[in-house]
PDB file of N, CA and C in Angstrom:
ATOM      1  N   UNK A   1       0.842  -1.173   0.000  1.00  0.00           N
ATOM      2  CA  UNK A   1       0.000   0.000   0.000  1.00  0.00           C
ATOM      3  C   UNK A   1       0.888   1.238   0.000  1.00  0.00           C
ATOM      4  N   UNK A   2       0.714   2.062  -0.996  1.00  0.00           N
ATOM      5  CA  UNK A   2       1.461   3.304  -1.104  1.00  0.00           C
ATOM      6  C   UNK A   2       0.827   4.317  -0.152  1.00  0.00           C
ATOM      7  N   UNK A   3       1.550   4.688   0.901  1.00  0.00           N
ATOM      8  CA  UNK A   3       1.015   5.609   1.891  1.00  0.00           C
ATOM      9  C   UNK A   3       1.058   7.060   1.435  1.00  0.00           C
ATOM     10  N   UNK A   4       1.826   7.339   0.396  1.00  0.00           N
ATOM     11  CA  UNK A   4       1.986   8.714  -0.071  1.00  0.00           C
ATOM     12  C   UNK A   4       0.849   9.183  -0.967  1.00  0.00           C
ATOM     13  N   UNK A   5       0.111   8.252  -1.513  1.00  0.00           N
ATOM     14  CA  UNK A   5      -0.936   8.612  -2.461  1.00  0.00           C
ATOM     15  C   UNK A   5      -0.410   8.869  -3.861  1.00  0.00           C
ATOM     16  N   UNK A   6       0.879   8.616  -4.074  1.00  0.00           N
ATOM     17  CA  UNK A   6       1.487   8.881  -5.379  1.00  0.00           C
ATOM     18  C   UNK A   6       0.934   7.997  -6.483  1.00  0.00           C
ATOM     19  N   UNK A   7       0.336   6.889  -6.122  1.00  0.00           N
ATOM     20  CA  UNK A   7      -0.229   5.994  -7.133  1.00  0.00           C
ATOM     21  C   UNK A   7      -1.667   6.349  -7.474  1.00  0.00           C
ATOM     22  N   UNK A   8      -2.125   7.477  -7.007  1.00  0.00           N
ATOM     23  CA  UNK A   8      -3.458   7.957  -7.363  1.00  0.00           C
ATOM     24  C   UNK A   8      -4.557   6.975  -7.018  1.00  0.00           C
ATOM     25  N   UNK A   9      -5.272   6.543  -8.034  1.00  0.00           N
ATOM     26  CA  UNK A   9      -6.417   5.659  -7.836  1.00  0.00           C
ATOM     27  C   UNK A   9      -6.003   4.214  -7.546  1.00  0.00           C
ATOM     28  N   UNK A  10      -4.716   3.904  -7.642  1.00  0.00           N
ATOM     29  CA  UNK A  10      -4.239   2.536  -7.430  1.00  0.00           C
ATOM     30  C   UNK A  10      -3.215   2.468  -6.290  1.00  0.00           C
ATOM     31  N   UNK A  11      -3.613   2.829  -5.060  1.00  0.00           N
ATOM     32  CA  UNK A  11      -2.637   2.835  -3.970  1.00  0.00           C
ATOM     33  C   UNK A  11      -2.279   1.440  -3.455  1.00  0.00           C
ATOM     34  N   UNK A  12      -3.012   0.429  -3.895  1.00  0.00           N
ATOM     35  CA  UNK A  12      -2.765  -0.931  -3.421  1.00  0.00           C
ATOM     36  C   UNK A  12      -2.333  -1.804  -4.590  1.00  0.00           C
ATOM     37  N   UNK A  13      -1.229  -2.489  -4.412  1.00  0.00           N
ATOM     38  CA  UNK A  13      -0.754  -3.470  -5.395  1.00  0.00           C
ATOM     39  C   UNK A  13      -0.893  -4.842  -4.755  1.00  0.00           C
ATOM     40  N   UNK A  14      -1.497  -5.773  -5.444  1.00  0.00           N
ATOM     41  CA  UNK A  14      -1.673  -7.121  -4.929  1.00  0.00           C
ATOM     42  C   UNK A  14      -0.603  -8.012  -5.546  1.00  0.00           C
ATOM     43  N   UNK A  15       0.139  -8.690  -4.675  1.00  0.00           N
ATOM     44  CA  UNK A  15       1.172  -9.619  -5.118  1.00  0.00           C
ATOM     45  C   UNK A  15       0.680 -11.021  -4.790  1.00  0.00           C
ATOM     46  N   UNK A  16       0.620 -11.861  -5.797  1.00  0.00           N
ATOM     47  CA  UNK A  16       0.156 -13.244  -5.614  1.00  0.00           C
ATOM     48  C   UNK A  16       1.276 -14.211  -5.951  1.00  0.00           C
ATOM     49  N   UNK A  17       1.064 -15.469  -5.625  1.00  0.00           N
ATOM     50  CA  UNK A  17       2.006 -16.507  -6.029  1.00  0.00           C
ATOM     51  C   UNK A  17       2.919 -17.012  -4.935  1.00  0.00           C
ATOM     52  N   UNK A  18       2.640 -16.667  -3.695  1.00  0.00           N
ATOM     53  CA  UNK A  18       3.462 -17.155  -2.594  1.00  0.00           C
ATOM     54  C   UNK A  18       3.152 -18.629  -2.336  1.00  0.00           C
ATOM     55  N   UNK A  19       4.192 -19.401  -2.109  1.00  0.00           N
ATOM     56  CA  UNK A  19       4.018 -20.830  -1.882  1.00  0.00           C
ATOM     57  C   UNK A  19       3.461 -21.159  -0.513  1.00  0.00           C
ATOM     58  N   UNK A  20       3.794 -20.338   0.473  1.00  0.00           N
ATOM     59  CA  UNK A  20       3.355 -20.576   1.852  1.00  0.00           C
ATOM     60  C   UNK A  20       3.068 -19.241   2.534  1.00  0.00           C
ATOM     61  N   UNK A  21       2.407 -19.321   3.674  1.00  0.00           N
ATOM     62  CA  UNK A  21       2.172 -18.127   4.487  1.00  0.00           C
ATOM     63  C   UNK A  21       3.513 -17.569   4.958  1.00  0.00           C
ATOM     64  N   UNK A  22       4.442 -18.435   5.319  1.00  0.00           N
ATOM     65  CA  UNK A  22       5.763 -17.990   5.768  1.00  0.00           C
ATOM     66  C   UNK A  22       6.464 -17.182   4.673  1.00  0.00           C
ATOM     67  N   UNK A  23       6.332 -17.621   3.440  1.00  0.00           N
ATOM     68  CA  UNK A  23       6.926 -16.909   2.300  1.00  0.00           C
ATOM     69  C   UNK A  23       6.298 -15.518   2.169  1.00  0.00           C
ATOM     70  N   UNK A  24       4.979 -15.448   2.232  1.00  0.00           N
ATOM     71  CA  UNK A  24       4.279 -14.164   2.130  1.00  0.00           C
ATOM     72  C   UNK A  24       4.652 -13.253   3.296  1.00  0.00           C
ATOM     73  N   UNK A  25       4.724 -13.813   4.496  1.00  0.00           N
ATOM     74  CA  UNK A  25       5.090 -13.028   5.676  1.00  0.00           C
ATOM     75  C   UNK A  25       6.503 -12.463   5.558  1.00  0.00           C
ATOM     76  N   UNK A  26       7.435 -13.281   5.119  1.00  0.00           N
ATOM     77  CA  UNK A  26       8.827 -12.834   4.989  1.00  0.00           C
ATOM     78  C   UNK A  26       8.929 -11.718   3.950  1.00  0.00           C
ATOM     79  N   UNK A  27       8.218 -11.870   2.839  1.00  0.00           N
ATOM     80  CA  UNK A  27       8.204 -10.831   1.805  1.00  0.00           C
ATOM     81  C   UNK A  27       7.649  -9.526   2.365  1.00  0.00           C
ATOM     82  N   UNK A  28       6.493  -9.586   3.014  1.00  0.00           N
ATOM     83  CA  UNK A  28       5.848  -8.388   3.552  1.00  0.00           C
ATOM     84  C   UNK A  28       6.741  -7.709   4.584  1.00  0.00           C
ATOM     85  N   UNK A  29       7.347  -8.481   5.453  1.00  0.00           N
ATOM     86  CA  UNK A  29       8.214  -7.924   6.500  1.00  0.00           C
ATOM     87  C   UNK A  29       9.405  -7.198   5.876  1.00  0.00           C
ATOM     88  N   UNK A  30      10.063  -7.829   4.934  1.00  0.00           N
ATOM     89  CA  UNK A  30      11.225  -7.200   4.302  1.00  0.00           C
ATOM     90  C   UNK A  30      10.814  -5.982   3.470  1.00  0.00           C
ATOM     91  N   UNK A  31       9.663  -6.059   2.845  1.00  0.00           N
ATOM     92  CA  UNK A  31       9.179  -4.946   2.032  1.00  0.00           C
ATOM     93  C   UNK A  31       8.978  -3.702   2.897  1.00  0.00           C
ATOM     94  N   UNK A  32       8.326  -3.883   4.030  1.00  0.00           N
ATOM     95  CA  UNK A  32       8.082  -2.764   4.930  1.00  0.00           C
ATOM     96  C   UNK A  32       9.393  -2.296   5.555  1.00  0.00           C
ATOM     97  N   UNK A  33      10.256  -3.224   5.948  1.00  0.00           N
ATOM     98  CA  UNK A  33      11.555  -2.864   6.533  1.00  0.00           C
ATOM     99  C   UNK A  33      12.344  -1.982   5.562  1.00  0.00           C
ATOM    100  N   UNK A  34      12.355  -2.363   4.299  1.00  0.00           N
ATOM    101  CA  UNK A  34      13.057  -1.595   3.287  1.00  0.00           C
ATOM    102  C   UNK A  34      12.436  -0.203   3.143  1.00  0.00           C
ATOM    103  N   UNK A  35      11.124  -0.139   3.116  1.00  0.00           N
ATOM    104  CA  UNK A  35      10.433   1.133   2.981  1.00  0.00           C
ATOM    105  C   UNK A  35      10.759   2.070   4.142  1.00  0.00           C
ATOM    106  N   UNK A  36      10.785   1.534   5.355  1.00  0.00           N
ATOM    107  CA  UNK A  36      11.123   2.353   6.526  1.00  0.00           C
ATOM    108  C   UNK A  36      12.541   2.889   6.393  1.00  0.00           C
ATOM    109  N   UNK A  37      13.477   2.030   6.013  1.00  0.00           N
ATOM    110  CA  UNK A  37      14.865   2.474   5.909  1.00  0.00           C
ATOM    111  C   UNK A  37      15.081   3.456   4.759  1.00  0.00           C
ATOM    112  N   UNK A  38      14.309   3.337   3.697  1.00  0.00           N
ATOM    113  CA  UNK A  38      14.379   4.314   2.609  1.00  0.00           C
ATOM    114  C   UNK A  38      13.926   5.688   3.116  1.00  0.00           C
ATOM    115  N   UNK A  39      12.968   5.714   4.016  1.00  0.00           N
ATOM    116  CA  UNK A  39      12.449   6.971   4.562  1.00  0.00           C
ATOM    117  C   UNK A  39      13.350   7.568   5.647  1.00  0.00           C
ATOM    118  N   UNK A  40      14.331   6.818   6.106  1.00  0.00           N
ATOM    119  CA  UNK A  40      15.220   7.276   7.173  1.00  0.00           C
ATOM    120  C   UNK A  40      16.273   8.229   6.608  1.00  0.00           C
ATOM    121  N   UNK A  41      16.363   9.397   7.187  1.00  0.00           N
ATOM    122  CA  UNK A  41      17.396  10.360   6.817  1.00  0.00           C
ATOM    123  C   UNK A  41      18.451  10.419   7.908  1.00  0.00           C
ATOM    124  N   UNK A  42      19.592  10.965   7.577  1.00  0.00           N
ATOM    125  CA  UNK A  42      20.679  11.085   8.550  1.00  0.00           C
ATOM    126  C   UNK A  42      20.213  11.873   9.769  1.00  0.00           C
ATOM    127  N   UNK A  43      20.484  11.333  10.931  1.00  0.00           N
ATOM    128  CA  UNK A  43      20.188  12.019  12.182  1.00  0.00           C
ATOM    129  C   UNK A  43      18.735  11.978  12.625  1.00  0.00           C
ATOM    130  N   UNK A  44      17.876  11.283  11.895  1.00  0.00           N
ATOM    131  CA  UNK A  44      16.462  11.235  12.274  1.00  0.00           C
ATOM    132  C   UNK A  44      16.261  10.303  13.460  1.00  0.00           C
ATOM    133  N   UNK A  45      15.431  10.731  14.412  1.00  0.00           N
ATOM    134  CA  UNK A  45      15.073   9.837  15.509  1.00  0.00           C
ATOM    135  C   UNK A  45      13.883   8.976  15.068  1.00  0.00           C
ATOM    136  N   UNK A  46      13.505   8.011  15.905  1.00  0.00           N
ATOM    137  CA  UNK A  46      12.449   7.062  15.546  1.00  0.00           C
ATOM    138  C   UNK A  46      11.133   7.765  15.222  1.00  0.00           C
ATOM    139  N   UNK A  47      10.810   8.807  15.966  1.00  0.00           N
ATOM    140  CA  UNK A  47       9.556   9.524  15.729  1.00  0.00           C
ATOM    141  C   UNK A  47       9.555  10.169  14.341  1.00  0.00           C
ATOM    142  N   UNK A  48      10.667  10.764  13.957  1.00  0.00           N
ATOM    143  CA  UNK A  48      10.769  11.395  12.638  1.00  0.00           C
ATOM    144  C   UNK A  48      10.727  10.353  11.523  1.00  0.00           C
ATOM    145  N   UNK A  49      11.343   9.196  11.751  1.00  0.00           N
ATOM    146  CA  UNK A  49      11.307   8.119  10.759  1.00  0.00           C
ATOM    147  C   UNK A  49       9.871   7.645  10.576  1.00  0.00           C
ATOM    148  N   UNK A  50       9.159   7.467  11.671  1.00  0.00           N
ATOM    149  CA  UNK A  50       7.752   7.036  11.582  1.00  0.00           C
ATOM    150  C   UNK A  50       6.910   8.058  10.829  1.00  0.00           C
ATOM    151  N   UNK A  51       7.152   9.332  11.085  1.00  0.00           N
ATOM    152  CA  UNK A  51       6.397  10.380  10.393  1.00  0.00           C
ATOM    153  C   UNK A  51       6.704  10.358   8.894  1.00  0.00           C
ATOM    154  N   UNK A  52       7.965  10.210   8.547  1.00  0.00           N
ATOM    155  CA  UNK A  52       8.342  10.160   7.127  1.00  0.00           C
ATOM    156  C   UNK A  52       7.743   8.929   6.459  1.00  0.00           C
ATOM    157  N   UNK A  53       7.799   7.791   7.130  1.00  0.00           N
ATOM    158  CA  UNK A  53       7.245   6.562   6.566  1.00  0.00           C
ATOM    159  C   UNK A  53       5.725   6.696   6.398  1.00  0.00           C
ATOM    160  N   UNK A  54       5.060   7.277   7.367  1.00  0.00           N
ATOM    161  CA  UNK A  54       3.611   7.456   7.281  1.00  0.00           C
ATOM    162  C   UNK A  54       3.197   8.377   6.151  1.00  0.00           C
ATOM    163  N   UNK A  55       4.112   9.240   5.729  1.00  0.00           N
ATOM    164  CA  UNK A  55       3.828  10.183   4.648  1.00  0.00           C
ATOM    165  C   UNK A  55       4.285   9.668   3.284  1.00  0.00           C
ATOM    166  N   UNK A  56       5.433   8.998   3.254  1.00  0.00           N
ATOM    167  CA  UNK A  56       6.039   8.616   1.976  1.00  0.00           C
ATOM    168  C   UNK A  56       6.248   7.116   1.785  1.00  0.00           C
ATOM    169  N   UNK A  57       6.057   6.328   2.830  1.00  0.00           N
ATOM    170  CA  UNK A  57       6.413   4.911   2.790  1.00  0.00           C
ATOM    171  C   UNK A  57       5.379   4.013   2.143  1.00  0.00           C
ATOM    172  N   UNK A  58       5.662   2.722   2.268  1.00  0.00           N
ATOM    173  CA  UNK A  58       4.763   1.698   1.750  1.00  0.00           C
ATOM    174  C   UNK A  58       4.571   0.632   2.825  1.00  0.00           C
ATOM    175  N   UNK A  59       3.340   0.236   3.011  1.00  0.00           N
ATOM    176  CA  UNK A  59       2.988  -0.790   3.997  1.00  0.00           C
ATOM    177  C   UNK A  59       2.611  -2.057   3.250  1.00  0.00           C
ATOM    178  N   UNK A  60       2.546  -3.164   3.954  1.00  0.00           N
ATOM    179  CA  UNK A  60       2.150  -4.439   3.343  1.00  0.00           C
ATOM    180  C   UNK A  60       1.310  -5.230   4.335  1.00  0.00           C
ATOM    181  N   UNK A  61       0.360  -5.961   3.817  1.00  0.00           N
ATOM    182  CA  UNK A  61      -0.483  -6.856   4.610  1.00  0.00           C
ATOM    183  C   UNK A  61      -0.517  -8.217   3.944  1.00  0.00           C
ATOM    184  N   UNK A  62      -0.630  -9.241   4.755  1.00  0.00           N
ATOM    185  CA  UNK A  62      -0.799 -10.594   4.236  1.00  0.00           C
ATOM    186  C   UNK A  62      -2.256 -10.965   4.470  1.00  0.00           C
ATOM    187  N   UNK A  63      -3.003 -11.127   3.394  1.00  0.00           N
ATOM    188  CA  UNK A  63      -4.422 -11.472   3.485  1.00  0.00           C
ATOM    189  C   UNK A  63      -4.601 -12.987   3.477  1.00  0.00           C
ATOM    190  N   UNK A  64      -5.643 -13.427   4.136  1.00  0.00           N
ATOM    191  CA  UNK A  64      -6.015 -14.831   4.085  1.00  0.00           C
ATOM    192  C   UNK A  64      -5.227 -15.739   5.013  1.00  0.00           C
ATOM    193  N   UNK A  65      -4.449 -15.170   5.919  1.00  0.00           N
ATOM    194  CA  UNK A  65      -3.647 -15.999   6.822  1.00  0.00           C
ATOM    195  C   UNK A  65      -4.138 -15.927   8.262  1.00  0.00           C
ATOM    196  N   UNK A  66      -5.196 -15.158   8.501  1.00  0.00           N
ATOM    197  CA  UNK A  66      -5.748 -15.052   9.849  1.00  0.00           C
ATOM    198  C   UNK A  66      -4.715 -14.592  10.858  1.00  0.00           C
ATOM    199  N   UNK A  67      -4.666 -15.275  11.983  1.00  0.00           N
ATOM    200  CA  UNK A  67      -3.734 -14.915  13.054  1.00  0.00           C
ATOM    201  C   UNK A  67      -2.282 -15.188  12.695  1.00  0.00           C
ATOM    202  N   UNK A  68      -2.044 -15.954  11.640  1.00  0.00           N
ATOM    203  CA  UNK A  68      -0.671 -16.277  11.232  1.00  0.00           C
ATOM    204  C   UNK A  68      -0.054 -15.201  10.339  1.00  0.00           C
ATOM    205  N   UNK A  69      -0.831 -14.189   9.980  1.00  0.00           N
ATOM    206  CA  UNK A  69      -0.343 -13.144   9.080  1.00  0.00           C
ATOM    207  C   UNK A  69       0.568 -12.176   9.827  1.00  0.00           C
ATOM    208  N   UNK A  70       1.680 -11.822   9.174  1.00  0.00           N
ATOM    209  CA  UNK A  70       2.564 -10.793   9.725  1.00  0.00           C
ATOM    210  C   UNK A  70       1.884  -9.447   9.572  1.00  0.00           C
ATOM    211  N   UNK A  71       2.031  -8.609  10.584  1.00  0.00           N
ATOM    212  CA  UNK A  71       1.454  -7.273  10.542  1.00  0.00           C
ATOM    213  C   UNK A  71       2.537  -6.249  10.859  1.00  0.00           C
ATOM    214  N   UNK A  72       2.607  -5.209  10.075  1.00  0.00           N
ATOM    215  CA  UNK A  72       3.652  -4.206  10.264  1.00  0.00           C
ATOM    216  C   UNK A  72       3.580  -3.556  11.641  1.00  0.00           C
ATOM    217  N   UNK A  73       2.406  -3.411  12.185  1.00  0.00           N
ATOM    218  CA  UNK A  73       2.249  -2.742  13.479  1.00  0.00           C
ATOM    219  C   UNK A  73       3.052  -3.420  14.586  1.00  0.00           C
ATOM    220  N   UNK A  74       3.293  -4.718  14.454  1.00  0.00           N
ATOM    221  CA  UNK A  74       4.025  -5.435  15.502  1.00  0.00           C
ATOM    222  C   UNK A  74       5.510  -5.087  15.533  1.00  0.00           C
ATOM    223  N   UNK A  75       6.076  -4.619  14.411  1.00  0.00           N
ATOM    224  CA  UNK A  75       7.508  -4.346  14.354  1.00  0.00           C
ATOM    225  C   UNK A  75       7.867  -2.939  13.903  1.00  0.00           C
ATOM    226  N   UNK A  76       6.895  -2.150  13.565  1.00  0.00           N
ATOM    227  CA  UNK A  76       7.153  -0.828  13.001  1.00  0.00           C
ATOM    228  C   UNK A  76       7.984   0.057  13.929  1.00  0.00           C
ATOM    229  N   UNK A  77       7.676   0.076  15.212  1.00  0.00           N
ATOM    230  CA  UNK A  77       8.436   0.913  16.154  1.00  0.00           C
ATOM    231  C   UNK A  77       9.897   0.486  16.195  1.00  0.00           C
ATOM    232  N   UNK A  78      10.146  -0.824  16.161  1.00  0.00           N
ATOM    233  CA  UNK A  78      11.526  -1.318  16.161  1.00  0.00           C
ATOM    234  C   UNK A  78      12.230  -0.954  14.863  1.00  0.00           C
ATOM    235  N   UNK A  79      11.553  -1.087  13.740  1.00  0.00           N
ATOM    236  CA  UNK A  79      12.131  -0.711  12.450  1.00  0.00           C
ATOM    237  C   UNK A  79      12.533   0.764  12.456  1.00  0.00           C
ATOM    238  N   UNK A  80      11.669   1.611  13.010  1.00  0.00           N
ATOM    239  CA  UNK A  80      11.947   3.047  13.035  1.00  0.00           C
ATOM    240  C   UNK A  80      13.091   3.380  13.990  1.00  0.00           C
ATOM    241  N   UNK A  81      13.211   2.620  15.054  1.00  0.00           N
ATOM    242  CA  UNK A  81      14.224   2.908  16.071  1.00  0.00           C
ATOM    243  C   UNK A  81      15.632   2.533  15.642  1.00  0.00           C
ATOM    244  N   UNK A  82      15.741   1.530  14.769  1.00  0.00           N
ATOM    245  CA  UNK A  82      17.082   1.079  14.380  1.00  0.00           C
ATOM    246  C   UNK A  82      17.102   0.680  12.907  1.00  0.00           C
ATOM    247  N   UNK A  83      18.142   1.121  12.197  1.00  0.00           N
ATOM    248  CA  UNK A  83      18.279   0.712  10.794  1.00  0.00           C
ATOM    249  C   UNK A  83      18.521  -0.794  10.703  1.00  0.00           C
ATOM    250  N   UNK A  84      18.239  -1.350   9.551  1.00  0.00           N
ATOM    251  CA  UNK A  84      18.498  -2.774   9.317  1.00  0.00           C
ATOM    252  C   UNK A  84      19.978  -3.071   9.568  1.00  0.00           C
ATOM    253  N   UNK A  85      20.244  -4.216  10.165  1.00  0.00           N
ATOM    254  CA  UNK A  85      21.619  -4.612  10.489  1.00  0.00           C
ATOM    255  C   UNK A  85      22.401  -4.993   9.239  1.00  0.00           C
ATOM    256  N   UNK A  86      21.707  -5.541   8.243  1.00  0.00           N
ATOM    257  CA  UNK A  86      22.377  -5.920   7.000  1.00  0.00           C
ATOM    258  C   UNK A  86      21.391  -5.848   5.837  1.00  0.00           C
ATOM    259  N   UNK A  87      21.917  -5.928   4.649  1.00  0.00           N
ATOM    260  CA  UNK A  87      21.099  -5.789   3.436  1.00  0.00           C
ATOM    261  C   UNK A  87      20.052  -6.891   3.314  1.00  0.00           C
ATOM    262  N   UNK A  88      20.323  -8.052   3.866  1.00  0.00           N
ATOM    263  CA  UNK A  88      19.385  -9.184   3.764  1.00  0.00           C
ATOM    264  C   UNK A  88      18.038  -8.861   4.413  1.00  0.00           C
ATOM    265  N   UNK A  89      18.058  -8.094   5.498  1.00  0.00           N
ATOM    266  CA  UNK A  89      16.816  -7.723   6.176  1.00  0.00           C
ATOM    267  C   UNK A  89      15.888  -6.916   5.278  1.00  0.00           C
ATOM    268  N   UNK A  90      16.456  -6.276   4.266  1.00  0.00           N
ATOM    269  CA  UNK A  90      15.690  -5.412   3.372  1.00  0.00           C
ATOM    270  C   UNK A  90      15.465  -6.039   1.996  1.00  0.00           C
ATOM    271  N   UNK A  91      16.027  -7.185   1.738  1.00  0.00           N
ATOM    272  CA  UNK A  91      15.989  -7.765   0.395  1.00  0.00           C
ATOM    273  C   UNK A  91      14.681  -8.516   0.132  1.00  0.00           C
ATOM    274  N   UNK A  92      13.635  -7.772  -0.132  1.00  0.00           N
ATOM    275  CA  UNK A  92      12.342  -8.375  -0.450  1.00  0.00           C
ATOM    276  C   UNK A  92      12.316  -8.907  -1.883  1.00  0.00           C
ATOM    277  N   UNK A  93      13.154  -8.360  -2.735  1.00  0.00           N
ATOM    278  CA  UNK A  93      13.138  -8.757  -4.149  1.00  0.00           C
ATOM    279  C   UNK A  93      13.452 -10.239  -4.344  1.00  0.00           C
ATOM    280  N   UNK A  94      14.330 -10.768  -3.510  1.00  0.00           N
ATOM    281  CA  UNK A  94      14.699 -12.182  -3.631  1.00  0.00           C
ATOM    282  C   UNK A  94      13.505 -13.093  -3.302  1.00  0.00           C
ATOM    283  N   UNK A  95      12.547 -12.565  -2.539  1.00  0.00           N
ATOM    284  CA  UNK A  95      11.370 -13.339  -2.140  1.00  0.00           C
ATOM    285  C   UNK A  95      10.138 -13.047  -2.998  1.00  0.00           C
ATOM    286  N   UNK A  96      10.270 -12.150  -3.947  1.00  0.00           N
ATOM    287  CA  UNK A  96       9.139 -11.725  -4.768  1.00  0.00           C
ATOM    288  C   UNK A  96       8.754 -12.828  -5.748  1.00  0.00           C
ATOM    289  N   UNK A  97       7.535 -13.377  -5.633  1.00  0.00           N
ATOM    290  CA  UNK A  97       7.131 -14.455  -6.539  1.00  0.00           C
ATOM    291  C   UNK A  97       7.043 -14.004  -7.997  1.00  0.00           C
ATOM    292  N   UNK A  98       6.907 -12.718  -8.226  1.00  0.00           N
ATOM    293  CA  UNK A  98       6.874 -12.205  -9.599  1.00  0.00           C
ATOM    294  C   UNK A  98       8.233 -12.391 -10.264  1.00  0.00           C
ATOM    295  N   UNK A  99       9.260 -12.476  -9.477  1.00  0.00           N
ATOM    296  CA  UNK A  99      10.608 -12.724  -9.998  1.00  0.00           C
ATOM    297  C   UNK A  99      10.657 -14.076 -10.705  1.00  0.00           C
ATOM    298  N   UNK A 100      10.005 -15.073 -10.128  1.00  0.00           N
ATOM    299  CA  UNK A 100       9.953 -16.402 -10.742  1.00  0.00           C
ATOM    300  C   UNK A 100       9.257 -16.347 -12.095  1.00  0.00           C
ATOM    301  N   UNK A 101       8.201 -15.526 -12.200  1.00  0.00           N
ATOM    302  CA  UNK A 101       7.494 -15.376 -13.470  1.00  0.00           C
ATOM    303  C   UNK A 101       8.406 -14.749 -14.513  1.00  0.00           C
ATOM    304  N   UNK A 102       9.173 -13.735 -14.105  1.00  0.00           N
ATOM    305  CA  UNK A 102      10.107 -13.082 -15.019  1.00  0.00           C
ATOM    306  C   UNK A 102      11.181 -14.051 -15.491  1.00  0.00           C
ATOM    307  N   UNK A 103      11.672 -14.898 -14.572  1.00  0.00           N
ATOM    308  CA  UNK A 103      12.685 -15.899 -14.930  1.00  0.00           C
ATOM    309  C   UNK A 103      12.132 -16.886 -15.947  1.00  0.00           C
ATOM    310  N   UNK A 104      10.867 -17.304 -15.743  1.00  0.00           N
ATOM    311  CA  UNK A 104      10.234 -18.245 -16.668  1.00  0.00           C
ATOM    312  C   UNK A 104      10.094 -17.635 -18.067  1.00  0.00           C
ATOM    313  N   UNK A 105       9.739 -16.336 -18.123  1.00  0.00           N
ATOM    314  CA  UNK A 105       9.604 -15.662 -19.412  1.00  0.00           C
ATOM    315  C   UNK A 105      10.943 -15.570 -20.122  1.00  0.00           C
ATOM    316  N   UNK A 106      12.007 -15.280 -19.383  1.00  0.00           N
ATOM    317  CA  UNK A 106      13.342 -15.173 -19.983  1.00  0.00           C
ATOM    318  C   UNK A 106      13.791 -16.520 -20.526  1.00  0.00           C
ATOM    319  N   UNK A 107      13.503 -17.609 -19.805  1.00  0.00           N
ATOM    320  CA  UNK A 107      13.886 -18.940 -20.271  1.00  0.00           C
ATOM    321  C   UNK A 107      13.158 -19.281 -21.565  1.00  0.00           C
ATOM    322  N   UNK A 108      11.910 -18.843 -21.689  1.00  0.00           N
ATOM    323  CA  UNK A 108      11.121 -19.111 -22.895  1.00  0.00           C
ATOM    324  C   UNK A 108      11.636 -18.353 -24.104  1.00  0.00           C
ATOM    325  N   UNK A 109      12.340 -17.245 -23.870  1.00  0.00           N
ATOM    326  CA  UNK A 109      12.863 -16.425 -24.960  1.00  0.00           C
ATOM    327  C   UNK A 109      14.163 -16.971 -25.519  1.00  0.00           C
ATOM    328  N   UNK A 110      14.841 -17.814 -24.761  1.00  0.00           N
ATOM    329  CA  UNK A 110      16.143 -18.326 -25.191  1.00  0.00           C
ATOM    330  C   UNK A 110      16.026 -19.400 -26.252  1.00  0.00           C
TER     331      UNK A 110
END
């Protein structure tokens, strides 16, 4: 979900194709973690990071998993308080199921 409204009438993008709830949860967590860190500027405290993320960031939800779904609210304060320890914490692209679709298309072109 684009919190900035920059996507106009399409503020929500639906990503499908996750093999498991754990896969979807890991993707959503890393996606939000990356968004928070992108909104972090030098010298910003946690409150300022949260304000920037709420204005310019992107949130994610896992639908259809009930109580097993990861929710950004459970970790958002921690994300704002401390930058990611390493790049892996932010690497949602490696978990993106759309990546597999792109790989399949490239193989078909060869």
